[in-house]
Amino acid sequence: LVGATRSSAATMGAVADAFKLLFACAGIFASFSYFAVLQEDVYKKEYGGSDKVKGEKFAFTFLALTAERGINAAIALLGMAVLGGSGIKIPHKEIFN
């Protein structure tokens, strides 16, 4: 009976981990989808126009991507500083040699 309890606890732990992973993936997908909709609005809208003069559309894609990636990296760095790293050590020498 003790072995069955351990097996059941391990199974429940695996299910909980799988649910956490699924929840995290869904959150990331939803966040990027929402950002894509907002970014599309930036590219479709005309800026600086008037009734007689047609406005210009946003055309600085590289600037937008650089700003987005910089903000993502800053938030990730903040998260690592506050919550700590994962503790996983990546074997760089074995991978790149």
Protein backbone atom coordinates (compact mmCIF):
# COMPACT_ATOMS: atom_id res chain seq x y z
CA LEU A 1 0.00 0.00 0.00
CA VAL A 2 2.92 2.36 0.67
CA GLY A 3 4.26 1.84 -2.85
CA ALA A 4 0.84 2.59 -4.31
CA THR A 5 0.65 5.83 -2.29
CA ARG A 6 4.05 6.94 -3.56
CA SER A 7 3.08 6.11 -7.12
CA SER A 8 -0.18 8.02 -6.74
CA ALA A 9 1.65 11.04 -5.28
CA ALA A 10 4.18 10.97 -8.12
CA THR A 11 1.37 10.79 -10.67
CA MET A 12 -0.42 13.73 -9.04
CA GLY A 13 2.84 15.69 -9.03
CA ALA A 14 3.34 14.96 -12.73
CA VAL A 15 -0.23 16.05 -13.50
CA ALA A 16 0.27 19.27 -11.51
CA ASP A 17 3.52 19.99 -13.38
CA ALA A 18 1.85 19.31 -16.72
CA PHE A 19 -0.99 21.67 -15.79
CA LYS A 20 1.49 24.41 -14.80
CA LEU A 21 3.27 24.00 -18.14
CA LEU A 22 -0.02 24.11 -20.05
CA PHE A 23 -1.12 27.21 -18.12
CA ALA A 24 2.21 28.96 -18.77
CA CYS A 25 2.13 28.13 -22.49
CA ALA A 26 -1.46 29.37 -22.80
CA GLY A 27 -0.54 32.60 -21.02
CA ILE A 28 2.44 33.21 -23.27
CA PHE A 29 0.37 32.49 -26.38
CA ALA A 30 -2.42 34.82 -25.21
CA SER A 31 0.05 37.60 -24.39
CA PHE A 32 1.78 37.44 -27.75
CA SER A 33 -1.55 37.24 -29.58
CA TYR A 34 -2.83 40.33 -27.78
CA PHE A 35 0.41 42.18 -28.52
CA ALA A 36 0.14 41.21 -32.21
CA VAL A 37 -3.35 42.71 -32.42
CA LEU A 38 -2.13 45.93 -30.79
CA GLN A 39 0.92 46.08 -33.05
CA GLU A 40 -1.24 45.59 -36.14
CA ASP A 41 -3.26 48.67 -35.14
CA VAL A 42 -0.05 50.71 -35.04
CA TYR A 43 0.79 49.76 -38.62
CA LYS A 44 -2.71 50.32 -40.04
CA LYS A 45 -3.39 53.77 -38.57
CA GLU A 46 -2.28 56.94 -40.37
CA TYR A 47 -0.50 59.56 -38.27
CA GLY A 48 -0.16 63.31 -38.76
CA GLY A 49 -2.85 63.71 -41.37
CA SER A 50 -5.64 66.22 -41.67
CA ASP A 51 -8.79 66.57 -43.73
CA LYS A 52 -6.81 67.64 -46.80
CA VAL A 53 -3.47 65.87 -46.26
CA LYS A 54 -3.08 62.12 -46.02
CA GLY A 55 -1.14 60.99 -42.97
CA GLU A 56 1.85 58.66 -42.88
CA LYS A 57 1.81 55.07 -41.72
CA PHE A 58 4.29 53.77 -39.15
CA ALA A 59 7.24 52.27 -41.03
CA PHE A 60 9.93 51.75 -38.37
CA THR A 61 9.58 48.01 -37.82
CA PHE A 62 13.16 47.51 -36.63
CA LEU A 63 12.73 50.20 -33.96
CA ALA A 64 9.49 48.61 -32.74
CA LEU A 65 11.05 45.13 -32.59
CA THR A 66 14.17 46.39 -30.83
CA ALA A 67 12.12 48.25 -28.23
CA GLU A 68 9.89 45.20 -27.69
CA ARG A 69 12.84 42.81 -27.26
CA GLY A 70 14.58 45.25 -24.93
CA ILE A 71 11.52 45.56 -22.72
CA ASN A 72 11.08 41.75 -22.71
CA ALA A 73 14.71 41.28 -21.68
CA ALA A 74 14.44 43.93 -18.94
CA ILE A 75 11.32 42.29 -17.48
CA ALA A 76 13.01 38.87 -17.59
CA LEU A 77 16.07 40.29 -15.83
CA LEU A 78 13.84 41.88 -13.20
CA GLY A 79 12.04 38.56 -12.70
CA MET A 80 15.34 36.74 -12.27
CA ALA A 81 16.56 39.36 -9.79
CA VAL A 82 13.38 39.18 -7.72
CA LEU A 83 12.59 35.46 -7.95
CA GLY A 84 16.04 34.01 -8.56
CA GLY A 85 17.20 31.87 -11.42
CA SER A 86 16.03 28.36 -12.21
CA GLY A 87 19.18 26.77 -10.80
CA ILE A 88 19.76 24.86 -14.02
CA LYS A 89 23.38 24.92 -15.15
CA ILE A 90 23.82 24.93 -18.92
CA PRO A 91 26.96 23.02 -20.03
CA HIS A 92 28.24 25.66 -22.46
CA LYS A 93 31.62 24.00 -23.00
CA GLU A 94 30.07 20.65 -23.97
CA ILE A 95 27.54 22.32 -26.29
CA PHE A 96 29.83 24.74 -28.15
CA ASN A 97 33.07 22.71 -28.36
